[in-house]
C-alpha atoms as a PDB file:
ATOM      1  CA  MET A   1     -51.769  50.453  15.651  1.00  0.00           C
ATOM      2  CA  LYS A   2     -49.902  51.597  18.952  1.00  0.00           C
ATOM      3  CA  THR A   3     -45.861  51.431  18.936  1.00  0.00           C
ATOM      4  CA  PRO A   4     -46.343  49.431  22.091  1.00  0.00           C
ATOM      5  CA  LYS A   5     -48.720  47.101  20.333  1.00  0.00           C
ATOM      6  CA  LYS A   6     -46.268  47.022  17.578  1.00  0.00           C
ATOM      7  CA  ILE A   7     -43.152  46.569  19.853  1.00  0.00           C
ATOM      8  CA  LEU A   8     -44.757  43.467  21.673  1.00  0.00           C
ATOM      9  CA  ILE A   9     -45.987  41.877  18.332  1.00  0.00           C
ATOM     10  CA  ALA A  10     -41.922  42.210  16.443  1.00  0.00           C
ATOM     11  CA  THR A  11     -40.645  40.623  19.881  1.00  0.00           C
ATOM     12  CA  ALA A  12     -42.553  37.894  19.595  1.00  0.00           C
ATOM     13  CA  VAL A  13     -42.197  37.186  16.245  1.00  0.00           C
ATOM     14  CA  VAL A  14     -38.301  37.875  16.498  1.00  0.00           C
ATOM     15  CA  GLY A  15     -38.480  35.815  20.310  1.00  0.00           C
ATOM     16  CA  SER A  16     -40.044  32.695  18.331  1.00  0.00           C
ATOM     17  CA  PHE A  17     -38.395  33.044  14.848  1.00  0.00           C
ATOM     18  CA  GLY A  18     -35.037  33.776  16.510  1.00  0.00           C
ATOM     19  CA  PHE A  19     -34.953  31.419  19.147  1.00  0.00           C
ATOM     20  CA  GLY A  20     -36.601  28.663  16.977  1.00  0.00           C
ATOM     21  CA  GLY A  21     -33.705  29.208  14.380  1.00  0.00           C
ATOM     22  CA  LEU A  22     -31.163  29.084  16.256  1.00  0.00           C
ATOM     23  CA  ALA A  23     -31.642  26.065  18.624  1.00  0.00           C
ATOM     24  CA  PRO A  24     -31.375  23.793  15.686  1.00  0.00           C
ATOM     25  CA  ASN A  25     -28.291  25.596  14.899  1.00  0.00           C
ATOM     26  CA  VAL A  26     -27.318  24.702  17.842  1.00  0.00           C
ATOM     27  CA  TYR A  27     -27.702  21.188  17.691  1.00  0.00           C
ATOM     28  CA  ALA A  28     -26.825  20.341  14.347  1.00  0.00           C
ATOM     29  CA  ALA A  29     -23.450  21.901  14.878  1.00  0.00           C
ATOM     30  CA  GLN A  30     -22.473  19.365  17.719  1.00  0.00           C
ATOM     31  CA  PRO A  31     -22.761  15.918  15.635  1.00  0.00           C
ATOM     32  CA  GLN A  32     -20.910  18.670  12.806  1.00  0.00           C
ATOM     33  CA  SER A  33     -18.236  18.874  15.201  1.00  0.00           C
ATOM     34  CA  SER A  34     -17.847  15.781  16.142  1.00  0.00           C
ATOM     35  CA  ILE A  35     -17.101  14.216  12.952  1.00  0.00           C
ATOM     36  CA  LEU A  36     -14.392  16.850  12.499  1.00  0.00           C
ATOM     37  CA  VAL A  37     -12.671  14.890  15.843  1.00  0.00           C
ATOM     38  CA  ALA A  38     -13.096  11.694  13.849  1.00  0.00           C
ATOM     39  CA  GLN A  39     -11.614  12.968  10.900  1.00  0.00           C
ATOM     40  CA  ASP A  40      -9.048  14.232  12.619  1.00  0.00           C
ATOM     41  CA  SER A  41      -8.292  11.334  14.536  1.00  0.00           C
ATOM     42  CA  ASP A  42      -8.292   8.936  11.530  1.00  0.00           C
ATOM     43  CA  ARG A  43      -5.838  11.295  10.221  1.00  0.00           C
ATOM     44  CA  ASP A  44      -3.317  11.492  13.075  1.00  0.00           C
ATOM     45  CA  GLY A  45      -4.201   7.677  13.148  1.00  0.00           C
ATOM     46  CA  GLU A  46      -2.938   7.193   9.244  1.00  0.00           C
ATOM     47  CA  ALA A  47       0.100   9.437   9.915  1.00  0.00           C
ATOM     48  CA  ASN A  48       1.454   7.106  12.625  1.00  0.00           C
ATOM     49  CA  GLU A  49       0.577   4.348  10.814  1.00  0.00           C
ATOM     50  CA  ASP A  50       2.284   5.845   7.944  1.00  0.00           C
ATOM     51  CA  ALA A  51       5.661   7.175  10.702  1.00  0.00           C
ATOM     52  CA  LYS A  52       5.667   3.480  11.558  1.00  0.00           C
ATOM     53  CA  GLU A  53       5.754   2.101   8.642  1.00  0.00           C
ATOM     54  CA  GLN A  54       8.720   4.085   6.883  1.00  0.00           C
ATOM     55  CA  GLN A  55      10.661   3.760  10.648  1.00  0.00           C
ATOM     56  CA  GLU A  56      10.452   0.290   9.671  1.00  0.00           C
ATOM     57  CA  GLU A  57      11.313   0.494   5.855  1.00  0.00           C
ATOM     58  CA  ALA A  58      14.880   2.630   7.189  1.00  0.00           C
ATOM     59  CA  GLN A  59      15.164  -0.196  10.143  1.00  0.00           C
ATOM     60  CA  LEU A  60      15.121  -2.937   6.899  1.00  0.00           C
ATOM     61  CA  GLN A  61      16.935  -0.640   4.540  1.00  0.00           C
ATOM     62  CA  SER A  62      19.520  -0.158   7.137  1.00  0.00           C
ATOM     63  CA  LEU A  63      20.120  -4.124   7.338  1.00  0.00           C
ATOM     64  CA  ALA A  64      19.838  -5.299   3.670  1.00  0.00           C
ATOM     65  CA  LYS A  65      23.426  -5.386   2.406  1.00  0.00           C
ATOM     66  CA  ILE A  66      22.495  -5.443  -1.727  1.00  0.00           C
ATOM     67  CA  THR A  67      20.513  -2.679  -3.182  1.00  0.00           C
ATOM     68  CA  ALA A  68      16.763  -2.977  -4.673  1.00  0.00           C
ATOM     69  CA  GLN A  69      19.035  -1.885  -8.181  1.00  0.00           C
ATOM     70  CA  GLN A  70      21.245  -5.253  -7.773  1.00  0.00           C
ATOM     71  CA  ALA A  71      17.860  -7.345  -7.130  1.00  0.00           C
ATOM     72  CA  ILE A  72      16.177  -6.036  -9.919  1.00  0.00           C
ATOM     73  CA  GLN A  73      19.092  -7.531 -12.005  1.00  0.00           C
ATOM     74  CA  ALA A  74      19.151 -10.810 -10.308  1.00  0.00           C
ATOM     75  CA  ALA A  75      15.655 -11.392 -11.113  1.00  0.00           C
ATOM     76  CA  GLU A  76      16.105  -9.979 -14.303  1.00  0.00           C
ATOM     77  CA  THR A  77      18.186 -12.382 -14.961  1.00  0.00           C
ATOM     78  CA  ALA A  78      17.150 -15.007 -13.601  1.00  0.00           C
ATOM     79  CA  LYS A  79      13.209 -15.384 -14.819  1.00  0.00           C
ATOM     80  CA  GLY A  80      14.057 -13.316 -17.981  1.00  0.00           C
ATOM     81  CA  GLY A  81      11.830  -9.966 -18.190  1.00  0.00           C
ATOM     82  CA  LYS A  82      11.759  -7.112 -17.104  1.00  0.00           C
ATOM     83  CA  ALA A  83      11.071  -5.923 -13.265  1.00  0.00           C
ATOM     84  CA  SER A  84       7.944  -3.911 -13.115  1.00  0.00           C
ATOM     85  CA  SER A  85       8.500  -3.204  -9.711  1.00  0.00           C
ATOM     86  CA  VAL A  86      10.584  -4.107  -6.104  1.00  0.00           C
ATOM     87  CA  GLU A  87      10.316  -3.899  -2.574  1.00  0.00           C
ATOM     88  CA  LEU A  88      12.658  -4.713   0.507  1.00  0.00           C
ATOM     89  CA  GLU A  89      10.166  -6.906   2.730  1.00  0.00           C
ATOM     90  CA  ASN A  90      10.454  -8.575   6.192  1.00  0.00           C
ATOM     91  CA  GLU A  91       9.028 -11.989   4.383  1.00  0.00           C
ATOM     92  CA  ASN A  92       8.395 -14.349   7.742  1.00  0.00           C
ATOM     93  CA  GLY A  93      11.723 -13.886   9.110  1.00  0.00           C
ATOM     94  CA  ASN A  94      13.862 -13.308   6.176  1.00  0.00           C
ATOM     95  CA  LEU A  95      15.050 -10.183   4.474  1.00  0.00           C
ATOM     96  CA  VAL A  96      13.871 -10.409   0.894  1.00  0.00           C
ATOM     97  CA  TYR A  97      13.777  -8.419  -2.233  1.00  0.00           C
ATOM     98  CA  GLU A  98      10.489  -9.421  -3.794  1.00  0.00           C
ATOM     99  CA  VAL A  99      10.769  -8.069  -7.276  1.00  0.00           C
ATOM    100  CA  THR A 100       7.642  -8.106  -9.997  1.00  0.00           C
ATOM    101  CA  ILE A 101       8.493  -9.458 -13.646  1.00  0.00           C
ATOM    102  CA  GLY A 102       5.162  -9.970 -15.636  1.00  0.00           C
ATOM    103  CA  GLN A 103       2.893 -12.345 -13.004  1.00  0.00           C
ATOM    104  CA  THR A 104       5.561 -13.202 -11.257  1.00  0.00           C
ATOM    105  CA  GLU A 105       7.224 -12.651  -8.146  1.00  0.00           C
ATOM    106  CA  VAL A 106      10.556 -13.372  -7.361  1.00  0.00           C
ATOM    107  CA  TYR A 107      12.208 -13.145  -3.880  1.00  0.00           C
ATOM    108  CA  VAL A 108      16.053 -12.012  -3.798  1.00  0.00           C
ATOM    109  CA  ASP A 109      18.049 -12.609  -0.553  1.00  0.00           C
ATOM    110  CA  ALA A 110      18.613  -8.703   0.622  1.00  0.00           C
ATOM    111  CA  GLY A 111      22.567  -9.836   1.847  1.00  0.00           C
ATOM    112  CA  ASN A 112      24.085 -11.744  -1.194  1.00  0.00           C
ATOM    113  CA  GLY A 113      21.740 -11.238  -3.814  1.00  0.00           C
ATOM    114  CA  THR A 114      20.677 -15.289  -4.860  1.00  0.00           C
ATOM    115  CA  VAL A 115      17.211 -15.789  -5.761  1.00  0.00           C
ATOM    116  CA  LEU A 116      15.254 -17.943  -3.192  1.00  0.00           C
ATOM    117  CA  TYR A 117      12.143 -18.970  -5.183  1.00  0.00           C
ATOM    118  CA  THR A 118       9.544 -17.505  -7.174  1.00  0.00           C
ATOM    119  CA  GLU A 119       5.742 -17.207  -6.868  1.00  0.00           C
ATOM    120  CA  ASP A 120       3.253 -16.871  -9.936  1.00  0.00           C
ATOM    121  CA  GLN A 121       0.534 -14.549  -8.914  1.00  0.00           C
ATOM    122  CA  ASN A 122      -2.359 -16.543 -10.379  1.00  0.00           C
ATOM    123  CA  GLN A 123      -1.779 -20.015  -8.736  1.00  0.00           C
ATOM    124  CA  GLU A 124      -2.736 -20.408  -5.112  1.00  0.00           C
ATOM    125  CA  ASN A 125       0.775 -21.117  -2.757  1.00  0.00           C
ATOM    126  CA  GLU A 126       1.259 -24.670  -3.023  1.00  0.00           C
ATOM    127  CA  GLN A 127       4.808 -24.811  -1.438  1.00  0.00           C
ATOM    128  CA  ASN A 128       5.241 -24.931   2.297  1.00  0.00           C
ATOM    129  CA  GLU A 129       7.062 -21.893   3.391  1.00  0.00           C
ATOM    130  CA  ALA A 130       8.616 -24.000   6.690  1.00  0.00           C
ATOM    131  CA  SER A 131      10.514 -25.442   3.297  1.00  0.00           C
ATOM    132  CA  ARG A 132      11.147 -22.705   1.203  1.00  0.00           C
ATOM    133  CA  PRO A 133      15.103 -21.531   1.637  1.00  0.00           C
ATOM    134  CA  LYS A 134      15.617 -18.693   4.336  1.00  0.00           C
ATOM    135  CA  SER A 135      17.110 -15.618   3.844  1.00  0.00           C
ATOM    136  CA  SER A 136      21.079 -15.009   4.724  1.00  0.00           C
ATOM    137  CA  ILE A 137      19.425 -12.428   7.305  1.00  0.00           C
ATOM    138  CA  GLN A 138      17.307 -12.873   9.454  1.00  0.00           C
ATOM    139  CA  ILE A 139      15.105 -10.280  11.346  1.00  0.00           C
ATOM    140  CA  PRO A 140      14.004 -11.154  14.716  1.00  0.00           C
ATOM    141  CA  ASN A 141      10.602 -10.387  15.718  1.00  0.00           C
ATOM    142  CA  ASN A 142      10.038  -6.854  17.397  1.00  0.00           C
ATOM    143  CA  ASP A 143       8.620  -8.864  20.870  1.00  0.00           C
ATOM    144  CA  GLY A 144      11.243 -11.373  20.895  1.00  0.00           C
ATOM    145  CA  GLU A 145       8.711 -14.183  20.857  1.00  0.00           C
ATOM    146  CA  ALA A 146       9.436 -16.633  18.037  1.00  0.00           C
ATOM    147  CA  ASN A 147       9.072 -16.591  14.069  1.00  0.00           C
ATOM    148  CA  ASP A 148       6.697 -18.340  12.408  1.00  0.00           C
ATOM    149  CA  ASP A 149       8.971 -21.131  11.921  1.00  0.00           C
ATOM    150  CA  GLY A 150       9.139 -21.772  15.723  1.00  0.00           C
ATOM    151  CA  LYS A 151      12.460 -20.452  16.260  1.00  0.00           C
ATOM    152  CA  LYS A 152      13.350 -17.258  17.741  1.00  0.00           C
ATOM    153  CA  ARG A 153      15.861 -14.961  16.794  1.00  0.00           C
END
């Protein structure tokens, strides 16, 4: 074979494989980059949500007048047993510590340490929320609208 024919054949072969091989990679790269963007936006959303939760926790903590340890002590004294967890919560506009002892959740007033009520985790909540004792610290909704009981705070 003469050299020009070899060059022509080599160019045709490389062109066929080269361009054919590149095109799928270019198209395949696009969905991958959009997936990465979606993952990044999910991470940003999770980070924003985590930041909001931390901000809300800090706000609630600044309103509480007793510590989590004091709430645990009150719950353990009232219920008997050892607490496995404690969490400061806005429970329908009431600032309470939710202390878990066994299968029971003990709700302690975050203002004065009084045990407000208990709930068994294994049973349906039979007590009407409106009839439950209220915490000494009431938390207004962020939007200024009424809480679950219909009263503005």
